[in-house]
Amino acid sequence: MRFPRGFWASTPDCKYDDRHGWQRIHEMYRQWPFFQATIDNATLALAKAEMAIAQRYAELAVDTDARRRIWQRIAAERDRARQGILDIVGGGELLATTPWFQRSIEMRNPFVDPLNLIQIEFMRRRRTAAKSADTPPLDEERALLRLCVQGIAAGMRTTG
């Protein structure tokens, strides 16, 4: 069985026209626990991703042309990955079969999003300070950044 290019990076080439091939992929998803877990993990990662927050991080890039090009690629790749996963699981929405997890994400966002925004602002200010003087980051700044990373990781339920 051959998978579409980039499949294991969770970005299937959605032009896979071989009907028999897709039937086998659907069968693998239903019957092979490893394959199902791999796809389900990719689904969780995509469902957790907040593109609006990610775009705020991207805005930290100084080169606006590069930022725009890279962001367009990231957004397009996310859309392809999402569609590929939906094609495999046969759903119309990520996490359609796990509404409790959807609700969990909705409940955590009001707590995690501000931490992301604090981290973004901290990074912006630190970059400005580094340009204006040769001041190394203070211990308090390092602690703040570490707390943001730990808080975001805890809220996302990942290792960070």
Protein backbone atom coordinates (compact mmCIF):
# COMPACT_ATOMS: atom_id res chain seq x y z
CA MET A 1 0.00 0.00 0.00
CA ARG A 2 1.40 3.39 -0.95
CA PHE A 3 0.31 6.48 0.84
CA PRO A 4 0.02 9.93 -0.67
CA ARG A 5 3.22 11.97 -0.50
CA GLY A 6 3.77 13.44 2.93
CA PHE A 7 1.12 11.26 4.52
CA TRP A 8 3.04 10.52 7.72
CA ALA A 9 3.60 14.23 8.18
CA SER A 10 -0.22 14.39 8.39
CA THR A 11 -0.47 16.21 5.09
CA PRO A 12 -1.97 13.81 2.58
CA ASP A 13 -2.07 14.82 -1.03
CA CYS A 14 -5.84 15.12 -1.32
CA LYS A 15 -5.68 14.25 -5.02
CA TYR A 16 -5.38 10.53 -4.30
CA ASP A 17 -7.87 9.29 -6.87
CA ASP A 18 -7.49 5.53 -6.52
CA ARG A 19 -10.84 4.47 -5.08
CA HIS A 20 -9.48 1.10 -4.03
CA GLY A 21 -6.59 2.87 -2.30
CA TRP A 22 -8.93 5.08 -0.31
CA GLN A 23 -11.04 2.06 0.63
CA ARG A 24 -7.90 0.43 2.00
CA ILE A 25 -7.01 3.56 3.95
CA HIS A 26 -10.51 3.67 5.47
CA GLU A 27 -10.25 -0.03 6.30
CA MET A 28 -6.84 0.52 7.89
CA TYR A 29 -8.27 3.32 10.01
CA ARG A 30 -11.08 1.09 11.24
CA GLN A 31 -9.02 -2.07 11.79
CA TRP A 32 -5.42 -1.13 12.58
CA PRO A 33 -5.05 0.43 16.06
CA PHE A 34 -1.61 1.93 15.33
CA PHE A 35 -2.85 3.67 12.20
CA GLN A 36 -5.99 4.89 13.95
CA ALA A 37 -3.94 6.24 16.86
CA THR A 38 -1.62 8.05 14.46
CA ILE A 39 -4.51 9.71 12.64
CA ASP A 40 -6.33 10.47 15.89
CA ASN A 41 -3.21 12.11 17.35
CA ALA A 42 -2.87 14.27 14.24
CA THR A 43 -6.56 15.14 14.60
CA LEU A 44 -6.04 16.26 18.19
CA ALA A 45 -3.06 18.40 17.22
CA LEU A 46 -5.04 20.12 14.47
CA ALA A 47 -8.07 20.62 16.70
CA LYS A 48 -5.94 22.24 19.40
CA ALA A 49 -4.20 24.59 16.98
CA GLU A 50 -5.49 28.15 17.25
CA MET A 51 -4.63 29.75 13.95
CA ALA A 52 -5.45 33.26 15.20
CA ILE A 53 -2.93 32.86 18.02
CA ALA A 54 -0.39 31.28 15.69
CA GLN A 55 -0.72 34.26 13.39
CA ARG A 56 0.05 36.59 16.30
CA TYR A 57 3.30 34.70 16.87
CA ALA A 58 4.05 34.94 13.16
CA GLU A 59 3.64 38.71 13.34
CA LEU A 60 6.81 38.79 15.43
CA ALA A 61 8.80 38.10 12.26
CA VAL A 62 10.57 41.24 11.11
CA ASP A 63 10.68 40.45 7.38
CA THR A 64 7.06 41.06 6.33
CA ASP A 65 7.42 39.46 2.89
CA ALA A 66 8.92 36.28 4.31
CA ARG A 67 6.33 36.27 7.09
CA ARG A 68 3.49 36.50 4.58
CA ARG A 69 4.89 33.73 2.38
CA ILE A 70 5.59 31.42 5.30
CA TRP A 71 2.22 32.09 6.92
CA GLN A 72 0.41 31.33 3.66
CA ARG A 73 2.24 28.00 3.47
CA ILE A 74 1.42 27.17 7.09
CA ALA A 75 -2.27 27.98 6.61
CA ALA A 76 -2.48 26.02 3.35
CA GLU A 77 -0.69 23.05 4.90
CA ARG A 78 -3.06 23.09 7.86
CA ASP A 79 -6.06 23.16 5.53
CA ARG A 80 -4.68 20.22 3.50
CA ALA A 81 -3.92 18.22 6.63
CA ARG A 82 -7.40 18.91 8.00
CA GLN A 83 -9.08 17.86 4.76
CA GLY A 84 -6.92 14.75 4.47
CA ILE A 85 -7.83 13.65 7.98
CA LEU A 86 -11.52 14.32 7.38
CA ASP A 87 -11.29 12.24 4.20
CA ILE A 88 -9.76 9.37 6.16
CA VAL A 89 -12.11 9.40 9.15
CA GLY A 90 -15.18 10.21 7.07
CA GLY A 91 -16.26 13.18 9.13
CA GLY A 92 -17.32 16.71 8.39
CA GLU A 93 -15.66 18.22 11.45
CA LEU A 94 -12.56 17.46 13.48
CA LEU A 95 -13.44 15.66 16.71
CA ALA A 96 -17.01 15.07 15.51
CA THR A 97 -17.09 11.80 17.44
CA THR A 98 -15.66 13.29 20.63
CA PRO A 99 -17.77 16.30 21.60
CA TRP A 100 -16.37 16.13 25.14
CA PHE A 101 -12.92 16.89 23.75
CA GLN A 102 -14.27 19.77 21.66
CA ARG A 103 -15.80 21.17 24.83
CA SER A 104 -12.52 20.70 26.68
CA ILE A 105 -10.73 22.82 24.07
CA GLU A 106 -13.45 25.48 24.25
CA MET A 107 -13.14 25.55 28.04
CA ARG A 108 -9.36 25.83 28.09
CA ASN A 109 -8.95 28.55 25.44
CA PRO A 110 -10.00 31.46 27.69
CA PHE A 111 -7.16 30.47 30.02
CA VAL A 112 -4.47 29.53 27.51
CA ASP A 113 -5.00 32.33 24.98
CA PRO A 114 -4.04 35.12 27.43
CA LEU A 115 -0.86 33.22 28.30
CA ASN A 116 -0.01 33.11 24.61
CA LEU A 117 -0.67 36.83 24.29
CA ILE A 118 1.50 37.57 27.34
CA GLN A 119 4.28 35.48 25.87
CA ILE A 120 4.00 37.23 22.50
CA GLU A 121 4.15 40.64 24.15
CA PHE A 122 7.09 39.55 26.29
CA MET A 123 8.94 38.35 23.20
CA ARG A 124 8.19 41.62 21.40
CA ARG A 125 9.43 43.73 24.33
CA ARG A 126 12.52 41.57 24.82
CA ARG A 127 13.44 41.95 21.16
CA THR A 128 13.02 45.73 21.36
CA ALA A 129 15.14 45.90 24.52
CA ALA A 130 17.84 43.75 22.95
CA LYS A 131 18.05 46.12 19.97
CA SER A 132 18.33 49.28 22.04
CA ALA A 133 20.98 48.07 24.46
CA ASP A 134 23.21 45.14 25.17
CA THR A 135 21.21 44.08 28.18
CA PRO A 136 21.04 40.36 28.83
CA PRO A 137 17.68 38.94 29.83
CA LEU A 138 17.04 39.29 33.53
CA ASP A 139 16.33 36.29 35.73
CA GLU A 140 12.79 37.64 36.17
CA GLU A 141 12.32 37.73 32.41
CA ARG A 142 13.55 34.16 32.05
CA ALA A 143 11.20 33.09 34.84
CA LEU A 144 8.25 34.83 33.15
CA LEU A 145 8.97 33.16 29.84
CA ARG A 146 9.34 29.77 31.54
CA LEU A 147 6.02 30.24 33.37
CA CYS A 148 4.27 31.16 30.13
CA VAL A 149 5.63 28.07 28.37
CA GLN A 150 4.70 25.83 31.30
CA GLY A 151 1.22 27.35 31.58
CA ILE A 152 0.55 26.98 27.87
CA ALA A 153 1.82 23.38 27.89
CA ALA A 154 -0.36 22.55 30.91
CA GLY A 155 -3.41 24.12 29.31
CA MET A 156 -2.79 22.37 26.01
CA ARG A 157 -2.00 19.15 27.85
CA THR A 158 1.28 18.72 26.05
CA THR A 159 4.91 18.82 27.07
CA GLY A 160 5.50 22.26 25.60
